[in-house]
């Protein structure tokens, strides 16, 4: 269900809620259990209401993120760095007298 041109998020969310309520009532009338219908309805409403927010976040990240600079920074920070082995681990693992 798409948000209409000029429609506020709150009005659209109310439309989603009414639509999903109708969908749930149909499923219950078909003989599905109330618990399973409510669980499905809550997931569907959550997914629909979060979709425009995720879309906007994705747009802002994509437009400002420099992939090449990110790769270079990752290589510098993580691929070239090797953490020192802890003294207590090295001593116990390789001490053949114990």
PDB file of N, CA and C in Angstrom:
ATOM      1  N   UNK A   1       0.849  -1.162   0.000  1.00  0.00           N
ATOM      2  CA  UNK A   1       0.000   0.000   0.000  1.00  0.00           C
ATOM      3  C   UNK A   1       0.899   1.230   0.000  1.00  0.00           C
ATOM      4  N   UNK A   2       0.813   1.975  -1.066  1.00  0.00           N
ATOM      5  CA  UNK A   2       1.681   3.142  -1.204  1.00  0.00           C
ATOM      6  C   UNK A   2       1.067   4.365  -0.552  1.00  0.00           C
ATOM      7  N   UNK A   3       1.956   5.232  -0.108  1.00  0.00           N
ATOM      8  CA  UNK A   3       1.527   6.488   0.462  1.00  0.00           C
ATOM      9  C   UNK A   3       1.109   7.398  -0.685  1.00  0.00           C
ATOM     10  N   UNK A   4      -0.046   8.027  -0.558  1.00  0.00           N
ATOM     11  CA  UNK A   4      -0.552   8.908  -1.605  1.00  0.00           C
ATOM     12  C   UNK A   4       0.227  10.213  -1.630  1.00  0.00           C
ATOM     13  N   UNK A   5       0.244  10.833  -2.778  1.00  0.00           N
ATOM     14  CA  UNK A   5       0.921  12.128  -2.944  1.00  0.00           C
ATOM     15  C   UNK A   5       0.310  13.141  -1.983  1.00  0.00           C
ATOM     16  N   UNK A   6       1.144  13.756  -1.154  1.00  0.00           N
ATOM     17  CA  UNK A   6       0.680  14.768  -0.212  1.00  0.00           C
ATOM     18  C   UNK A   6       0.064  14.212   1.064  1.00  0.00           C
ATOM     19  N   UNK A   7      -0.029  12.906   1.188  1.00  0.00           N
ATOM     20  CA  UNK A   7      -0.621  12.295   2.375  1.00  0.00           C
ATOM     21  C   UNK A   7       0.403  12.266   3.501  1.00  0.00           C
ATOM     22  N   UNK A   8      -0.018  12.637   4.692  1.00  0.00           N
ATOM     23  CA  UNK A   8       0.911  12.607   5.823  1.00  0.00           C
ATOM     24  C   UNK A   8       1.179  11.161   6.224  1.00  0.00           C
ATOM     25  N   UNK A   9       2.291  10.973   6.898  1.00  0.00           N
ATOM     26  CA  UNK A   9       2.663   9.631   7.363  1.00  0.00           C
ATOM     27  C   UNK A   9       1.591   9.091   8.310  1.00  0.00           C
ATOM     28  N   UNK A  10       1.056   9.950   9.176  1.00  0.00           N
ATOM     29  CA  UNK A  10       0.052   9.530  10.145  1.00  0.00           C
ATOM     30  C   UNK A  10      -1.229   9.078   9.447  1.00  0.00           C
ATOM     31  N   UNK A  11      -1.675   9.825   8.426  1.00  0.00           N
ATOM     32  CA  UNK A  11      -2.880   9.438   7.692  1.00  0.00           C
ATOM     33  C   UNK A  11      -2.656   8.122   6.953  1.00  0.00           C
ATOM     34  N   UNK A  12      -1.500   7.984   6.360  1.00  0.00           N
ATOM     35  CA  UNK A  12      -1.170   6.747   5.655  1.00  0.00           C
ATOM     36  C   UNK A  12      -1.131   5.566   6.635  1.00  0.00           C
ATOM     37  N   UNK A  13      -0.548   5.779   7.814  1.00  0.00           N
ATOM     38  CA  UNK A  13      -0.470   4.714   8.821  1.00  0.00           C
ATOM     39  C   UNK A  13      -1.869   4.290   9.255  1.00  0.00           C
ATOM     40  N   UNK A  14      -2.787   5.236   9.365  1.00  0.00           N
ATOM     41  CA  UNK A  14      -4.167   4.906   9.726  1.00  0.00           C
ATOM     42  C   UNK A  14      -4.821   4.073   8.626  1.00  0.00           C
ATOM     43  N   UNK A  15      -4.552   4.420   7.362  1.00  0.00           N
ATOM     44  CA  UNK A  15      -5.073   3.626   6.246  1.00  0.00           C
ATOM     45  C   UNK A  15      -4.512   2.210   6.274  1.00  0.00           C
ATOM     46  N   UNK A  16      -3.215   2.086   6.550  1.00  0.00           N
ATOM     47  CA  UNK A  16      -2.584   0.762   6.655  1.00  0.00           C
ATOM     48  C   UNK A  16      -3.254  -0.044   7.756  1.00  0.00           C
ATOM     49  N   UNK A  17      -3.481   0.584   8.894  1.00  0.00           N
ATOM     50  CA  UNK A  17      -4.107  -0.097  10.020  1.00  0.00           C
ATOM     51  C   UNK A  17      -5.508  -0.589   9.644  1.00  0.00           C
ATOM     52  N   UNK A  18      -6.301   0.249   8.985  1.00  0.00           N
ATOM     53  CA  UNK A  18      -7.649  -0.154   8.598  1.00  0.00           C
ATOM     54  C   UNK A  18      -7.615  -1.289   7.581  1.00  0.00           C
ATOM     55  N   UNK A  19      -6.689  -1.200   6.620  1.00  0.00           N
ATOM     56  CA  UNK A  19      -6.567  -2.245   5.613  1.00  0.00           C
ATOM     57  C   UNK A  19      -6.189  -3.573   6.259  1.00  0.00           C
ATOM     58  N   UNK A  20      -5.197  -3.545   7.131  1.00  0.00           N
ATOM     59  CA  UNK A  20      -4.739  -4.770   7.782  1.00  0.00           C
ATOM     60  C   UNK A  20      -5.799  -5.338   8.721  1.00  0.00           C
ATOM     61  N   UNK A  21      -6.589  -4.480   9.330  1.00  0.00           N
ATOM     62  CA  UNK A  21      -7.685  -4.950  10.175  1.00  0.00           C
ATOM     63  C   UNK A  21      -8.693  -5.722   9.330  1.00  0.00           C
ATOM     64  N   UNK A  22      -9.033  -5.197   8.173  1.00  0.00           N
ATOM     65  CA  UNK A  22      -9.945  -5.893   7.264  1.00  0.00           C
ATOM     66  C   UNK A  22      -9.375  -7.215   6.799  1.00  0.00           C
ATOM     67  N   UNK A  23      -8.089  -7.213   6.473  1.00  0.00           N
ATOM     68  CA  UNK A  23      -7.405  -8.439   6.054  1.00  0.00           C
ATOM     69  C   UNK A  23      -7.479  -9.492   7.157  1.00  0.00           C
ATOM     70  N   UNK A  24      -7.252  -9.048   8.408  1.00  0.00           N
ATOM     71  CA  UNK A  24      -7.271  -9.970   9.547  1.00  0.00           C
ATOM     72  C   UNK A  24      -8.670 -10.535   9.766  1.00  0.00           C
ATOM     73  N   UNK A  25      -9.684  -9.712   9.635  1.00  0.00           N
ATOM     74  CA  UNK A  25     -11.051 -10.189   9.814  1.00  0.00           C
ATOM     75  C   UNK A  25     -11.414 -11.235   8.761  1.00  0.00           C
ATOM     76  N   UNK A  26     -10.953 -11.047   7.543  1.00  0.00           N
ATOM     77  CA  UNK A  26     -11.196 -12.036   6.485  1.00  0.00           C
ATOM     78  C   UNK A  26     -10.515 -13.360   6.805  1.00  0.00           C
ATOM     79  N   UNK A  27      -9.280 -13.287   7.293  1.00  0.00           N
ATOM     80  CA  UNK A  27      -8.552 -14.506   7.642  1.00  0.00           C
ATOM     81  C   UNK A  27      -9.236 -15.257   8.782  1.00  0.00           C
ATOM     82  N   UNK A  28      -9.736 -14.519   9.764  1.00  0.00           N
ATOM     83  CA  UNK A  28     -10.449 -15.161  10.878  1.00  0.00           C
ATOM     84  C   UNK A  28     -11.733 -15.803  10.367  1.00  0.00           C
ATOM     85  N   UNK A  29     -12.436 -15.117   9.464  1.00  0.00           N
ATOM     86  CA  UNK A  29     -13.663 -15.670   8.887  1.00  0.00           C
ATOM     87  C   UNK A  29     -13.384 -16.937   8.080  1.00  0.00           C
ATOM     88  N   UNK A  30     -12.191 -17.041   7.515  1.00  0.00           N
ATOM     89  CA  UNK A  30     -11.812 -18.240   6.761  1.00  0.00           C
ATOM     90  C   UNK A  30     -11.470 -19.415   7.674  1.00  0.00           C
ATOM     91  N   UNK A  31     -11.360 -19.155   8.972  1.00  0.00           N
ATOM     92  CA  UNK A  31     -11.116 -20.239   9.915  1.00  0.00           C
ATOM     93  C   UNK A  31      -9.717 -20.275  10.508  1.00  0.00           C
ATOM     94  N   UNK A  32      -8.900 -19.286  10.219  1.00  0.00           N
ATOM     95  CA  UNK A  32      -7.560 -19.237  10.820  1.00  0.00           C
ATOM     96  C   UNK A  32      -7.675 -18.853  12.292  1.00  0.00           C
ATOM     97  N   UNK A  33      -6.716 -19.299  13.082  1.00  0.00           N
ATOM     98  CA  UNK A  33      -6.755 -18.998  14.517  1.00  0.00           C
ATOM     99  C   UNK A  33      -6.469 -17.522  14.741  1.00  0.00           C
ATOM    100  N   UNK A  34      -7.092 -16.982  15.762  1.00  0.00           N
ATOM    101  CA  UNK A  34      -6.943 -15.567  16.071  1.00  0.00           C
ATOM    102  C   UNK A  34      -5.489 -15.235  16.393  1.00  0.00           C
ATOM    103  N   UNK A  35      -4.817 -16.100  17.139  1.00  0.00           N
ATOM    104  CA  UNK A  35      -3.423 -15.845  17.510  1.00  0.00           C
ATOM    105  C   UNK A  35      -2.522 -15.747  16.287  1.00  0.00           C
ATOM    106  N   UNK A  36      -2.674 -16.668  15.349  1.00  0.00           N
ATOM    107  CA  UNK A  36      -1.812 -16.631  14.163  1.00  0.00           C
ATOM    108  C   UNK A  36      -2.125 -15.419  13.298  1.00  0.00           C
ATOM    109  N   UNK A  37      -3.406 -15.059  13.200  1.00  0.00           N
ATOM    110  CA  UNK A  37      -3.794 -13.892  12.407  1.00  0.00           C
ATOM    111  C   UNK A  37      -3.241 -12.609  13.024  1.00  0.00           C
ATOM    112  N   UNK A  38      -3.337 -12.484  14.340  1.00  0.00           N
ATOM    113  CA  UNK A  38      -2.819 -11.290  15.011  1.00  0.00           C
ATOM    114  C   UNK A  38      -1.300 -11.176  14.868  1.00  0.00           C
ATOM    115  N   UNK A  39      -0.633 -12.315  14.966  1.00  0.00           N
ATOM    116  CA  UNK A  39       0.821 -12.294  14.793  1.00  0.00           C
ATOM    117  C   UNK A  39       1.193 -11.848  13.376  1.00  0.00           C
ATOM    118  N   UNK A  40       0.518 -12.418  12.380  1.00  0.00           N
ATOM    119  CA  UNK A  40       0.779 -12.026  10.992  1.00  0.00           C
ATOM    120  C   UNK A  40       0.436 -10.552  10.754  1.00  0.00           C
ATOM    121  N   UNK A  41      -0.682 -10.116  11.319  1.00  0.00           N
ATOM    122  CA  UNK A  41      -1.103  -8.725  11.134  1.00  0.00           C
ATOM    123  C   UNK A  41      -0.079  -7.764  11.736  1.00  0.00           C
ATOM    124  N   UNK A  42       0.425  -8.085  12.913  1.00  0.00           N
ATOM    125  CA  UNK A  42       1.395  -7.183  13.545  1.00  0.00           C
ATOM    126  C   UNK A  42       2.682  -7.109  12.725  1.00  0.00           C
ATOM    127  N   UNK A  43       3.109  -8.242  12.174  1.00  0.00           N
ATOM    128  CA  UNK A  43       4.310  -8.234  11.334  1.00  0.00           C
ATOM    129  C   UNK A  43       4.089  -7.418  10.072  1.00  0.00           C
ATOM    130  N   UNK A  44       2.926  -7.597   9.450  1.00  0.00           N
ATOM    131  CA  UNK A  44       2.628  -6.879   8.208  1.00  0.00           C
ATOM    132  C   UNK A  44       2.562  -5.369   8.441  1.00  0.00           C
ATOM    133  N   UNK A  45       1.913  -4.949   9.523  1.00  0.00           N
ATOM    134  CA  UNK A  45       1.814  -3.517   9.823  1.00  0.00           C
ATOM    135  C   UNK A  45       3.201  -2.948  10.101  1.00  0.00           C
ATOM    136  N   UNK A  46       3.984  -3.654  10.894  1.00  0.00           N
ATOM    137  CA  UNK A  46       5.332  -3.173  11.216  1.00  0.00           C
ATOM    138  C   UNK A  46       6.183  -3.031   9.972  1.00  0.00           C
ATOM    139  N   UNK A  47       6.145  -4.040   9.104  1.00  0.00           N
ATOM    140  CA  UNK A  47       6.935  -3.979   7.866  1.00  0.00           C
ATOM    141  C   UNK A  47       6.503  -2.814   6.991  1.00  0.00           C
ATOM    142  N   UNK A  48       5.206  -2.617   6.864  1.00  0.00           N
ATOM    143  CA  UNK A  48       4.708  -1.530   6.018  1.00  0.00           C
ATOM    144  C   UNK A  48       5.073  -0.166   6.586  1.00  0.00           C
ATOM    145  N   UNK A  49       4.953  -0.003   7.894  1.00  0.00           N
ATOM    146  CA  UNK A  49       5.225   1.300   8.489  1.00  0.00           C
ATOM    147  C   UNK A  49       6.718   1.622   8.519  1.00  0.00           C
ATOM    148  N   UNK A  50       7.562   0.608   8.593  1.00  0.00           N
ATOM    149  CA  UNK A  50       9.001   0.858   8.621  1.00  0.00           C
ATOM    150  C   UNK A  50       9.599   1.023   7.222  1.00  0.00           C
ATOM    151  N   UNK A  51       8.926   0.516   6.208  1.00  0.00           N
ATOM    152  CA  UNK A  51       9.475   0.552   4.851  1.00  0.00           C
ATOM    153  C   UNK A  51       9.862   1.966   4.386  1.00  0.00           C
ATOM    154  N   UNK A  52       8.989   2.978   4.502  1.00  0.00           N
ATOM    155  CA  UNK A  52       9.401   4.312   4.045  1.00  0.00           C
ATOM    156  C   UNK A  52      10.575   4.880   4.849  1.00  0.00           C
ATOM    157  N   UNK A  53      10.647   4.520   6.114  1.00  0.00           N
ATOM    158  CA  UNK A  53      11.756   5.014   6.936  1.00  0.00           C
ATOM    159  C   UNK A  53      13.072   4.379   6.483  1.00  0.00           C
ATOM    160  N   UNK A  54      13.062   3.065   6.260  1.00  0.00           N
ATOM    161  CA  UNK A  54      14.258   2.382   5.774  1.00  0.00           C
ATOM    162  C   UNK A  54      14.676   2.922   4.403  1.00  0.00           C
ATOM    163  N   UNK A  55      13.694   3.217   3.580  1.00  0.00           N
ATOM    164  CA  UNK A  55      13.976   3.737   2.244  1.00  0.00           C
ATOM    165  C   UNK A  55      14.706   5.082   2.326  1.00  0.00           C
ATOM    166  N   UNK A  56      14.243   5.964   3.196  1.00  0.00           N
ATOM    167  CA  UNK A  56      14.884   7.267   3.362  1.00  0.00           C
ATOM    168  C   UNK A  56      16.279   7.132   3.956  1.00  0.00           C
ATOM    169  N   UNK A  57      16.441   6.247   4.913  1.00  0.00           N
ATOM    170  CA  UNK A  57      17.767   6.017   5.503  1.00  0.00           C
ATOM    171  C   UNK A  57      18.710   5.487   4.444  1.00  0.00           C
ATOM    172  N   UNK A  58      18.235   4.564   3.647  1.00  0.00           N
ATOM    173  CA  UNK A  58      19.056   3.986   2.582  1.00  0.00           C
ATOM    174  C   UNK A  58      19.492   5.051   1.583  1.00  0.00           C
ATOM    175  N   UNK A  59      18.581   5.931   1.217  1.00  0.00           N
ATOM    176  CA  UNK A  59      18.917   7.000   0.263  1.00  0.00           C
ATOM    177  C   UNK A  59      19.993   7.916   0.827  1.00  0.00           C
ATOM    178  N   UNK A  60      19.869   8.262   2.099  1.00  0.00           N
ATOM    179  CA  UNK A  60      20.838   9.183   2.686  1.00  0.00           C
ATOM    180  C   UNK A  60      22.206   8.527   2.837  1.00  0.00           C
ATOM    181  N   UNK A  61      22.246   7.243   3.131  1.00  0.00           N
ATOM    182  CA  UNK A  61      23.516   6.537   3.268  1.00  0.00           C
ATOM    183  C   UNK A  61      24.188   6.384   1.916  1.00  0.00           C
ATOM    184  N   UNK A  62      23.420   5.999   0.918  1.00  0.00           N
ATOM    185  CA  UNK A  62      23.976   5.773  -0.413  1.00  0.00           C
ATOM    186  C   UNK A  62      24.517   7.071  -1.006  1.00  0.00           C
ATOM    187  N   UNK A  63      23.831   8.160  -0.789  1.00  0.00           N
ATOM    188  CA  UNK A  63      24.265   9.409  -1.404  1.00  0.00           C
ATOM    189  C   UNK A  63      25.509   9.990  -0.739  1.00  0.00           C
ATOM    190  N   UNK A  64      25.783   9.636   0.513  1.00  0.00           N
ATOM    191  CA  UNK A  64      26.923  10.226   1.204  1.00  0.00           C
ATOM    192  C   UNK A  64      28.067   9.240   1.435  1.00  0.00           C
ATOM    193  N   UNK A  65      27.869   7.975   1.144  1.00  0.00           N
ATOM    194  CA  UNK A  65      28.888   6.968   1.448  1.00  0.00           C
ATOM    195  C   UNK A  65      29.822   6.785   0.270  1.00  0.00           C
ATOM    196  N   UNK A  66      31.126   6.880   0.539  1.00  0.00           N
ATOM    197  CA  UNK A  66      32.142   6.656  -0.484  1.00  0.00           C
ATOM    198  C   UNK A  66      32.693   5.247  -0.288  1.00  0.00           C
ATOM    199  N   UNK A  67      32.315   4.335  -1.180  1.00  0.00           N
ATOM    200  CA  UNK A  67      32.677   2.930  -1.035  1.00  0.00           C
ATOM    201  C   UNK A  67      34.190   2.721  -1.098  1.00  0.00           C
ATOM    202  N   UNK A  68      34.868   3.403  -2.003  1.00  0.00           N
ATOM    203  CA  UNK A  68      36.317   3.231  -2.141  1.00  0.00           C
ATOM    204  C   UNK A  68      37.051   3.689  -0.891  1.00  0.00           C
ATOM    205  N   UNK A  69      36.644   4.819  -0.333  1.00  0.00           N
ATOM    206  CA  UNK A  69      37.266   5.304   0.896  1.00  0.00           C
ATOM    207  C   UNK A  69      36.982   4.328   2.046  1.00  0.00           C
ATOM    208  N   UNK A  70      35.781   3.746   2.073  1.00  0.00           N
ATOM    209  CA  UNK A  70      35.438   2.772   3.102  1.00  0.00           C
ATOM    210  C   UNK A  70      36.290   1.524   3.011  1.00  0.00           C
ATOM    211  N   UNK A  71      36.530   1.044   1.788  1.00  0.00           N
ATOM    212  CA  UNK A  71      37.392  -0.126   1.596  1.00  0.00           C
ATOM    213  C   UNK A  71      38.818   0.158   2.047  1.00  0.00           C
ATOM    214  N   UNK A  72      39.307   1.337   1.687  1.00  0.00           N
ATOM    215  CA  UNK A  72      40.673   1.712   2.060  1.00  0.00           C
ATOM    216  C   UNK A  72      40.803   1.806   3.586  1.00  0.00           C
ATOM    217  N   UNK A  73      39.838   2.428   4.227  1.00  0.00           N
ATOM    218  CA  UNK A  73      39.863   2.554   5.684  1.00  0.00           C
ATOM    219  C   UNK A  73      39.808   1.180   6.355  1.00  0.00           C
ATOM    220  N   UNK A  74      38.979   0.281   5.826  1.00  0.00           N
ATOM    221  CA  UNK A  74      38.879  -1.080   6.369  1.00  0.00           C
ATOM    222  C   UNK A  74      40.219  -1.797   6.255  1.00  0.00           C
ATOM    223  N   UNK A  75      40.850  -1.704   5.091  1.00  0.00           N
ATOM    224  CA  UNK A  75      42.144  -2.363   4.899  1.00  0.00           C
ATOM    225  C   UNK A  75      43.184  -1.829   5.864  1.00  0.00           C
ATOM    226  N   UNK A  76      43.209  -0.503   6.039  1.00  0.00           N
ATOM    227  CA  UNK A  76      44.196   0.102   6.938  1.00  0.00           C
ATOM    228  C   UNK A  76      43.960  -0.295   8.390  1.00  0.00           C
ATOM    229  N   UNK A  77      42.721  -0.334   8.801  1.00  0.00           N
ATOM    230  CA  UNK A  77      42.422  -0.596  10.207  1.00  0.00           C
ATOM    231  C   UNK A  77      42.457  -2.077  10.568  1.00  0.00           C
ATOM    232  N   UNK A  78      41.964  -2.927   9.685  1.00  0.00           N
ATOM    233  CA  UNK A  78      41.732  -4.306  10.092  1.00  0.00           C
ATOM    234  C   UNK A  78      42.579  -5.352   9.380  1.00  0.00           C
ATOM    235  N   UNK A  79      42.909  -5.137   8.146  1.00  0.00           N
ATOM    236  CA  UNK A  79      43.634  -6.175   7.426  1.00  0.00           C
ATOM    237  C   UNK A  79      45.133  -6.136   7.690  1.00  0.00           C
ATOM    238  N   UNK A  80      45.667  -4.982   7.972  1.00  0.00           N
ATOM    239  CA  UNK A  80      47.108  -4.869   8.220  1.00  0.00           C
ATOM    240  C   UNK A  80      47.450  -5.024   9.697  1.00  0.00           C
ATOM    241  N   UNK A  81      46.471  -4.972  10.548  1.00  0.00           N
ATOM    242  CA  UNK A  81      46.709  -5.018  11.983  1.00  0.00           C
ATOM    243  C   UNK A  81      46.532  -6.441  12.490  1.00  0.00           C
ATOM    244  N   UNK A  82      47.494  -6.915  13.230  1.00  0.00           N
ATOM    245  CA  UNK A  82      47.376  -8.230  13.852  1.00  0.00           C
ATOM    246  C   UNK A  82      47.562  -8.053  15.347  1.00  0.00           C
ATOM    247  N   UNK A  83      46.580  -8.459  16.088  1.00  0.00           N
ATOM    248  CA  UNK A  83      46.612  -8.294  17.537  1.00  0.00           C
ATOM    249  C   UNK A  83      47.683  -9.200  18.137  1.00  0.00           C
ATOM    250  N   UNK A  84      48.384  -8.747  19.164  1.00  0.00           N
ATOM    251  CA  UNK A  84      49.384  -9.592  19.810  1.00  0.00           C
ATOM    252  C   UNK A  84      48.711 -10.752  20.537  1.00  0.00           C
ATOM    253  N   UNK A  85      49.400 -11.869  20.591  1.00  0.00           N
ATOM    254  CA  UNK A  85      48.894 -13.039  21.297  1.00  0.00           C
ATOM    255  C   UNK A  85      49.107 -12.818  22.780  1.00  0.00           C
ATOM    256  N   UNK A  86      48.116 -13.168  23.564  1.00  0.00           N
ATOM    257  CA  UNK A  86      48.221 -12.984  25.008  1.00  0.00           C
ATOM    258  C   UNK A  86      49.325 -13.872  25.572  1.00  0.00           C
ATOM    259  N   UNK A  87      50.090 -13.346  26.535  1.00  0.00           N
ATOM    260  CA  UNK A  87      51.213 -14.074  27.119  1.00  0.00           C
ATOM    261  C   UNK A  87      50.780 -15.378  27.783  1.00  0.00           C
ATOM    262  N   UNK A  88      49.706 -15.354  28.518  1.00  0.00           N
ATOM    263  CA  UNK A  88      49.294 -16.552  29.252  1.00  0.00           C
ATOM    264  C   UNK A  88      48.838 -17.663  28.308  1.00  0.00           C
ATOM    265  N   UNK A  89      48.314 -17.318  27.164  1.00  0.00           N
ATOM    266  CA  UNK A  89      47.877 -18.328  26.207  1.00  0.00           C
ATOM    267  C   UNK A  89      49.087 -18.948  25.528  1.00  0.00           C
ATOM    268  N   UNK A  90      49.996 -18.128  25.093  1.00  0.00           N
ATOM    269  CA  UNK A  90      51.165 -18.607  24.375  1.00  0.00           C
ATOM    270  C   UNK A  90      52.026 -19.527  25.252  1.00  0.00           C
ATOM    271  N   UNK A  91      52.195 -19.161  26.517  1.00  0.00           N
ATOM    272  CA  UNK A  91      53.018 -19.952  27.411  1.00  0.00           C
ATOM    273  C   UNK A  91      52.442 -21.327  27.706  1.00  0.00           C
ATOM    274  N   UNK A  92      51.147 -21.389  27.934  1.00  0.00           N
ATOM    275  CA  UNK A  92      50.516 -22.657  28.297  1.00  0.00           C
ATOM    276  C   UNK A  92      50.337 -23.580  27.104  1.00  0.00           C
ATOM    277  N   UNK A  93      50.091 -23.035  25.969  1.00  0.00           N
ATOM    278  CA  UNK A  93      49.855 -23.883  24.807  1.00  0.00           C
ATOM    279  C   UNK A  93      51.137 -24.536  24.287  1.00  0.00           C
ATOM    280  N   UNK A  94      52.237 -23.851  24.422  1.00  0.00           N
ATOM    281  CA  UNK A  94      53.455 -24.337  23.807  1.00  0.00           C
ATOM    282  C   UNK A  94      54.481 -24.843  24.814  1.00  0.00           C
ATOM    283  N   UNK A  95      54.148 -24.863  26.088  1.00  0.00           N
ATOM    284  CA  UNK A  95      55.059 -25.362  27.100  1.00  0.00           C
ATOM    285  C   UNK A  95      54.928 -26.892  27.171  1.00  0.00           C
ATOM    286  N   UNK A  96      55.938 -27.614  26.741  1.00  0.00           N
ATOM    287  CA  UNK A  96      55.872 -29.068  26.660  1.00  0.00           C
ATOM    288  C   UNK A  96      56.191 -29.740  27.992  1.00  0.00           C
ATOM    289  N   UNK A  97      56.639 -28.977  28.998  1.00  0.00           N
ATOM    290  CA  UNK A  97      56.969 -29.557  30.288  1.00  0.00           C
ATOM    291  C   UNK A  97      55.746 -29.824  31.147  1.00  0.00           C
ATOM    292  N   UNK A  98      54.621 -29.254  30.828  1.00  0.00           N
ATOM    293  CA  UNK A  98      53.411 -29.430  31.659  1.00  0.00           C
ATOM    294  C   UNK A  98      52.630 -30.625  31.260  1.00  0.00           C
TER     295      UNK A  98
END
